[in-house]
């Protein structure tokens, strides 16, 4: 069973597609610099000084900004420079994730056909797309995450998914890993922070609240968080501190639900015990039932934790303005 088998009209797209679409909409006056990273961030009440290093030229320059927004992922450089080391905020889930593109079609599947292979402690997800090669996601439990990075990844993955004969589909999937050029091999982590801003520096997206791949909300939460941040900055002109505080108050309840979803859905992606395996089988069968599955998906789409709606944002801002008289 793949995602195409779900009721309704599920539509899969890559994070990179969203990035390209957002990039294409940038105004011409926006200054975009590649291969440039912050190496030092200092701030005062009026602004932020950032030392930027260009990787190719190996030069650095210090520039001043009104606001610095860190959107640089689960192991954020901005977060480490301003808020402290990663260890304070990263929480391991005891799972490993391996993702890469499969060239062509895995053995045993038809073009455009996806599949899932689930066993206790390990799973394989094959996501099929209409206009590109499929993406493979391997997920497995680990009692020693640090040890996972001490051996060649292909060797470790074959050990995890053995010793039984692999079969045609899984065999071709693991063979492709050995020659894949671009591979994500990483531990599943959540980012949990008491505050997402410090002075005139704020974190958005995975750098602030990564819920892990198991939540399935990374792109949407990042887009909603950024859009809401802009809304509050416009609503509080000249007072960055107030805007950041109100933004976080409005957004945090939704993010807390996303984080809990990331924990709850680990067992759906990769069951860790017989109870989680049985629960997953029941859910899969219910969702695959045409009428009941469609009803469940519609109910999920309307749930408060599903998304941060425009009406919710407007209500929060209106209530805040009424309270403060602004």
Protein backbone atom coordinates (compact mmCIF):
# COMPACT_ATOMS: atom_id res chain seq x y z
CA UNK A 1 0.00 0.00 0.00
CA UNK A 2 1.32 3.41 -0.97
CA UNK A 3 0.08 6.95 -0.43
CA UNK A 4 -1.74 6.83 -3.77
CA UNK A 5 -4.02 4.19 -2.29
CA UNK A 6 -5.42 6.57 0.32
CA UNK A 7 -8.97 7.84 -0.34
CA UNK A 8 -9.35 11.21 -1.95
CA UNK A 9 -6.64 12.68 -4.17
CA UNK A 10 -3.37 12.64 -2.21
CA UNK A 11 -0.67 14.76 -3.81
CA UNK A 12 3.01 14.29 -3.03
CA UNK A 13 5.69 16.87 -3.64
CA UNK A 14 9.24 17.36 -2.46
CA UNK A 15 10.39 20.04 -0.04
CA UNK A 16 12.66 21.27 -2.82
CA UNK A 17 9.61 21.98 -4.98
CA UNK A 18 8.24 24.26 -2.26
CA UNK A 19 11.63 25.98 -1.93
CA UNK A 20 11.80 26.63 -5.68
CA UNK A 21 8.25 28.00 -5.74
CA UNK A 22 8.98 30.35 -2.84
CA UNK A 23 12.27 31.45 -4.38
CA UNK A 24 10.55 32.24 -7.68
CA UNK A 25 8.20 34.66 -5.89
CA UNK A 26 10.93 36.75 -4.25
CA UNK A 27 10.87 40.44 -5.24
CA UNK A 28 13.76 41.51 -7.44
CA UNK A 29 15.17 43.82 -4.75
CA UNK A 30 15.78 40.97 -2.29
CA UNK A 31 19.51 40.35 -1.87
CA UNK A 32 20.17 36.60 -2.05
CA UNK A 33 23.65 35.29 -1.23
CA UNK A 34 24.73 31.69 -1.57
CA UNK A 35 27.52 29.88 0.33
CA UNK A 36 27.39 32.53 3.05
CA UNK A 37 27.12 31.64 6.74
CA UNK A 38 27.02 33.63 9.99
CA UNK A 39 30.01 33.10 12.27
CA UNK A 40 29.30 35.70 14.96
CA UNK A 41 26.11 37.47 16.07
CA UNK A 42 26.02 40.34 18.56
CA UNK A 43 23.13 42.66 19.28
CA UNK A 44 21.95 45.69 21.20
CA UNK A 45 18.60 47.39 21.66
CA UNK A 46 18.67 48.95 18.20
CA UNK A 47 19.99 46.22 15.93
CA UNK A 48 22.07 43.11 15.28
CA UNK A 49 25.65 42.90 14.00
CA UNK A 50 26.34 39.71 12.03
CA UNK A 51 29.73 38.59 10.82
CA UNK A 52 29.15 36.73 7.54
CA UNK A 53 31.69 34.42 5.92
CA UNK A 54 31.64 33.57 2.24
CA UNK A 55 32.74 29.98 1.82
CA UNK A 56 34.17 30.15 -1.71
CA UNK A 57 36.10 33.41 -1.33
CA UNK A 58 36.91 32.69 2.35
CA UNK A 59 36.25 36.31 3.20
CA UNK A 60 34.11 37.79 5.96
CA UNK A 61 32.22 41.02 6.49
CA UNK A 62 30.17 42.39 9.39
CA UNK A 63 26.78 43.91 8.59
CA UNK A 64 23.99 45.36 10.70
CA UNK A 65 20.34 44.34 10.58
CA UNK A 66 17.08 45.32 12.30
CA UNK A 67 16.08 41.67 12.73
CA UNK A 68 17.80 38.32 12.18
CA UNK A 69 15.59 35.32 11.35
CA UNK A 70 17.24 31.92 11.61
CA UNK A 71 15.62 29.36 9.32
CA UNK A 72 18.63 27.09 8.96
CA UNK A 73 17.31 23.72 10.04
CA UNK A 74 17.43 21.30 12.91
CA UNK A 75 21.13 21.96 13.60
CA UNK A 76 20.80 25.72 13.20
CA UNK A 77 23.97 27.81 13.17
CA UNK A 78 21.98 30.89 14.21
CA UNK A 79 20.55 29.00 17.18
CA UNK A 80 23.94 27.77 18.34
CA UNK A 81 25.46 31.27 18.09
CA UNK A 82 22.67 33.03 19.98
CA UNK A 83 20.88 30.46 22.15
CA UNK A 84 23.62 27.95 22.93
CA UNK A 85 24.80 24.47 21.88
CA UNK A 86 22.59 21.96 20.05
CA UNK A 87 22.57 19.59 23.02
CA UNK A 88 20.30 21.94 24.95
CA UNK A 89 17.51 21.72 22.40
CA UNK A 90 17.83 18.48 20.41
CA UNK A 91 15.87 15.49 21.73
CA UNK A 92 16.57 12.15 20.11
CA UNK A 93 13.67 9.85 19.27
CA UNK A 94 15.71 6.65 19.16
CA UNK A 95 15.26 6.24 15.40
CA UNK A 96 17.40 6.66 12.30
CA UNK A 97 16.24 8.08 8.98
CA UNK A 98 17.73 7.36 5.57
CA UNK A 99 16.35 9.13 2.49
CA UNK A 100 17.51 9.18 -1.13
CA UNK A 101 16.25 9.15 -4.71
CA UNK A 102 15.83 5.85 -6.53
CA UNK A 103 16.86 5.91 -10.20
CA UNK A 104 13.95 4.53 -12.21
CA UNK A 105 11.49 2.03 -10.73
CA UNK A 106 12.26 -0.44 -7.90
CA UNK A 107 11.97 -4.09 -8.85
CA UNK A 108 8.51 -5.52 -8.31
CA UNK A 109 6.69 -2.19 -8.71
CA UNK A 110 5.04 -0.53 -11.68
CA UNK A 111 5.90 3.04 -12.74
CA UNK A 112 4.14 5.49 -10.43
CA UNK A 113 3.47 2.82 -7.82
CA UNK A 114 4.52 3.35 -4.20
CA UNK A 115 4.76 0.86 -1.36
CA UNK A 116 5.43 0.45 2.33
CA UNK A 117 7.18 -2.47 4.03
CA UNK A 118 6.70 -2.52 7.79
CA UNK A 119 8.22 -4.79 10.43
CA UNK A 120 8.94 -4.30 14.11
CA UNK A 121 11.71 -1.77 14.48
CA UNK A 122 12.24 -1.14 10.76
CA UNK A 123 10.31 0.12 7.76
CA UNK A 124 10.71 1.08 4.12
CA UNK A 125 8.62 3.76 2.39
CA UNK A 126 8.67 4.24 -1.37
CA UNK A 127 7.10 7.54 -2.44
CA UNK A 128 6.19 7.64 -6.13
CA UNK A 129 5.89 10.89 -8.09
CA UNK A 130 4.37 11.70 -11.45
CA UNK A 131 7.24 13.81 -12.78
CA UNK A 132 10.39 12.47 -11.08
CA UNK A 133 12.05 9.37 -9.74
CA UNK A 134 10.70 7.92 -6.49
CA UNK A 135 12.09 8.81 -3.09
CA UNK A 136 13.05 6.11 -0.59
CA UNK A 137 12.66 6.61 3.16
CA UNK A 138 14.14 4.03 5.52
CA UNK A 139 13.29 4.29 9.21
CA UNK A 140 14.62 2.04 11.95
CA UNK A 141 14.98 2.01 15.72
CA UNK A 142 18.39 2.35 17.34
CA UNK A 143 19.52 1.90 20.94
CA UNK A 144 22.84 3.64 20.26
CA UNK A 145 22.47 6.56 17.86
CA UNK A 146 26.10 7.67 18.19
CA UNK A 147 27.32 4.25 17.06
CA UNK A 148 25.25 4.56 13.86
CA UNK A 149 27.71 7.12 12.51
CA UNK A 150 30.85 5.04 13.08
CA UNK A 151 30.31 2.63 10.17
CA UNK A 152 29.62 3.00 6.44
CA UNK A 153 25.91 3.76 6.09
CA UNK A 154 25.18 1.16 3.38
CA UNK A 155 26.86 -1.54 5.46
CA UNK A 156 24.89 -0.55 8.56
CA UNK A 157 21.57 -0.42 6.71
CA UNK A 158 22.08 -3.89 5.21
CA UNK A 159 22.76 -5.20 8.69
CA UNK A 160 19.55 -3.64 10.02
CA UNK A 161 17.37 -5.05 7.23
CA UNK A 162 18.95 -8.52 7.30
CA UNK A 163 19.76 -11.26 7.78
CA UNK A 164 16.71 -12.67 5.97
CA UNK A 165 16.71 -12.68 2.15
CA UNK A 166 15.75 -9.21 0.99
CA UNK A 167 13.46 -10.00 -1.92
CA UNK A 168 13.37 -8.19 -5.25
CA UNK A 169 11.98 -4.80 -4.17
CA UNK A 170 13.97 -4.34 -0.99
CA UNK A 171 17.08 -5.75 -2.68
CA UNK A 172 16.94 -3.13 -5.42
CA UNK A 173 16.19 -0.37 -2.89
CA UNK A 174 19.26 -1.15 -0.78
CA UNK A 175 21.45 -1.60 -3.85
CA UNK A 176 20.51 1.92 -4.97
CA UNK A 177 21.63 3.29 -1.59
CA UNK A 178 25.18 2.14 -2.23
CA UNK A 179 25.47 4.28 -5.37
CA UNK A 180 23.20 7.20 -4.45
CA UNK A 181 24.95 10.57 -4.65
CA UNK A 182 22.71 12.58 -2.31
CA UNK A 183 21.71 10.70 0.86
CA UNK A 184 20.20 11.84 4.14
CA UNK A 185 21.53 9.56 6.89
CA UNK A 186 20.65 11.05 10.24
CA UNK A 187 19.02 10.51 13.60
CA UNK A 188 15.40 11.51 14.14
CA UNK A 189 15.40 14.56 16.38
CA UNK A 190 12.94 17.02 17.84
CA UNK A 191 13.82 20.62 18.71
CA UNK A 192 12.18 21.91 21.88
CA UNK A 193 12.79 25.45 23.13
CA UNK A 194 11.21 27.56 25.86
CA UNK A 195 11.57 30.66 23.68
CA UNK A 196 12.07 31.11 19.95
CA UNK A 197 13.45 34.64 20.13
CA UNK A 198 16.18 36.49 21.97
CA UNK A 199 16.23 40.23 21.52
CA UNK A 200 16.21 40.90 17.78
CA UNK A 201 17.03 37.32 16.76
CA UNK A 202 14.21 34.86 16.11
CA UNK A 203 14.09 31.25 14.92
CA UNK A 204 11.45 29.89 12.51
CA UNK A 205 10.78 26.38 11.23
CA UNK A 206 12.88 23.34 12.09
CA UNK A 207 15.51 25.47 13.81
CA UNK A 208 12.89 26.40 16.43
CA UNK A 209 10.43 23.49 16.59
CA UNK A 210 11.47 20.53 14.41
CA UNK A 211 8.85 17.84 15.09
CA UNK A 212 10.72 15.18 13.03
CA UNK A 213 9.76 13.57 9.73
CA UNK A 214 7.17 11.47 11.56
CA UNK A 215 4.94 14.52 12.09
CA UNK A 216 4.65 15.36 8.39
CA UNK A 217 4.21 19.07 9.16
CA UNK A 218 7.67 20.53 8.59
CA UNK A 219 6.99 22.51 5.42
CA UNK A 220 3.51 23.69 6.37
CA UNK A 221 4.55 24.71 9.90
CA UNK A 222 7.56 26.58 8.51
CA UNK A 223 5.46 28.47 5.97
CA UNK A 224 2.71 29.26 8.48
CA UNK A 225 5.22 30.39 11.09
CA UNK A 226 6.98 32.72 8.67
CA UNK A 227 3.72 34.17 7.35
CA UNK A 228 2.40 34.76 10.86
CA UNK A 229 5.68 36.40 11.89
CA UNK A 230 5.36 38.88 9.02
CA UNK A 231 1.75 39.55 10.04
CA UNK A 232 2.72 40.47 13.60
CA UNK A 233 5.71 42.56 12.51
CA UNK A 234 3.35 44.58 10.32
CA UNK A 235 0.81 44.82 13.15
CA UNK A 236 3.45 46.15 15.59
CA UNK A 237 5.51 48.67 13.62
CA UNK A 238 8.53 49.96 15.49
CA UNK A 239 8.28 47.42 18.31
CA UNK A 240 10.06 44.21 17.35
CA UNK A 241 10.01 42.82 20.88
CA UNK A 242 6.24 43.07 21.22
CA UNK A 243 5.73 41.58 17.74
CA UNK A 244 7.91 38.56 18.54
CA UNK A 245 6.21 37.96 21.86
CA UNK A 246 2.70 38.09 20.42
CA UNK A 247 3.74 35.94 17.46
CA UNK A 248 5.01 33.20 19.74
CA UNK A 249 1.94 33.35 21.98
CA UNK A 250 -0.29 32.83 18.94
CA UNK A 251 1.77 30.09 17.29
CA UNK A 252 3.08 27.96 20.15
CA UNK A 253 -0.16 26.03 20.92
CA UNK A 254 -0.24 24.73 17.35
CA UNK A 255 3.44 23.82 17.36
CA UNK A 256 3.06 21.93 20.63
CA UNK A 257 0.45 19.76 18.92
CA UNK A 258 2.79 19.17 15.98
CA UNK A 259 5.55 18.09 18.35
CA UNK A 260 3.23 15.63 20.06
CA UNK A 261 2.14 14.30 16.67
CA UNK A 262 5.80 13.60 15.86
CA UNK A 263 6.03 11.45 18.99
CA UNK A 264 2.70 9.70 18.48
CA UNK A 265 3.30 8.79 14.84
CA UNK A 266 6.66 7.10 15.35
CA UNK A 267 4.79 3.87 15.88
CA UNK A 268 2.84 4.33 12.65
CA UNK A 269 5.98 4.83 10.56
CA UNK A 270 8.06 2.24 12.42
CA UNK A 271 6.25 0.13 15.04
CA UNK A 272 8.41 -0.56 18.07
CA UNK A 273 6.26 -3.27 19.66
CA UNK A 274 3.32 -5.56 18.94
CA UNK A 275 0.79 -3.06 20.29
CA UNK A 276 1.97 -0.35 17.86
CA UNK A 277 2.02 -2.88 15.02
CA UNK A 278 -1.58 -3.98 15.68
CA UNK A 279 -2.72 -0.36 16.00
CA UNK A 280 -1.10 0.49 12.70
CA UNK A 281 -2.80 -2.42 10.92
CA UNK A 282 -6.19 -1.31 12.22
CA UNK A 283 -5.65 2.31 11.17
CA UNK A 284 -4.40 1.27 7.72
CA UNK A 285 -7.45 -0.91 7.10
CA UNK A 286 -9.84 1.80 8.26
CA UNK A 287 -8.24 4.48 6.09
CA UNK A 288 -8.22 2.13 3.09
CA UNK A 289 -12.00 1.70 3.40
CA UNK A 290 -13.41 4.14 0.78
CA UNK A 291 -16.28 5.75 2.72
CA UNK A 292 -14.83 5.54 6.22
CA UNK A 293 -11.35 6.53 5.07
CA UNK A 294 -12.62 9.66 3.33
CA UNK A 295 -14.61 10.63 6.43
CA UNK A 296 -11.56 10.17 8.66
CA UNK A 297 -9.37 12.30 6.40
CA UNK A 298 -11.97 15.08 6.27
CA UNK A 299 -12.29 15.02 10.04
CA UNK A 300 -8.51 15.24 10.37
CA UNK A 301 -8.36 18.21 7.98
CA UNK A 302 -10.90 20.10 10.10
CA UNK A 303 -9.24 19.36 13.44
CA UNK A 304 -7.74 22.31 15.39
CA UNK A 305 -4.27 20.77 15.21
CA UNK A 306 -4.36 20.25 11.45
CA UNK A 307 -3.32 23.75 10.45
CA UNK A 308 -3.15 27.37 11.54
CA UNK A 309 -6.01 29.00 9.68
CA UNK A 310 -6.22 32.59 8.48
CA UNK A 311 -9.34 33.08 10.61
CA UNK A 312 -7.44 31.99 13.70
CA UNK A 313 -4.64 34.45 12.96
CA UNK A 314 -7.09 37.31 12.42
CA UNK A 315 -8.91 36.48 15.66
CA UNK A 316 -5.67 36.44 17.65
CA UNK A 317 -4.55 39.80 16.26
CA UNK A 318 -7.99 41.37 16.78
CA UNK A 319 -8.14 40.17 20.39
CA UNK A 320 -4.62 41.40 21.02
CA UNK A 321 -5.37 44.85 19.59
CA UNK A 322 -8.53 45.06 21.68
CA UNK A 323 -6.59 44.18 24.83
CA UNK A 324 -3.84 46.72 24.21
CA UNK A 325 -5.96 49.44 22.59
CA UNK A 326 -3.80 49.44 19.43
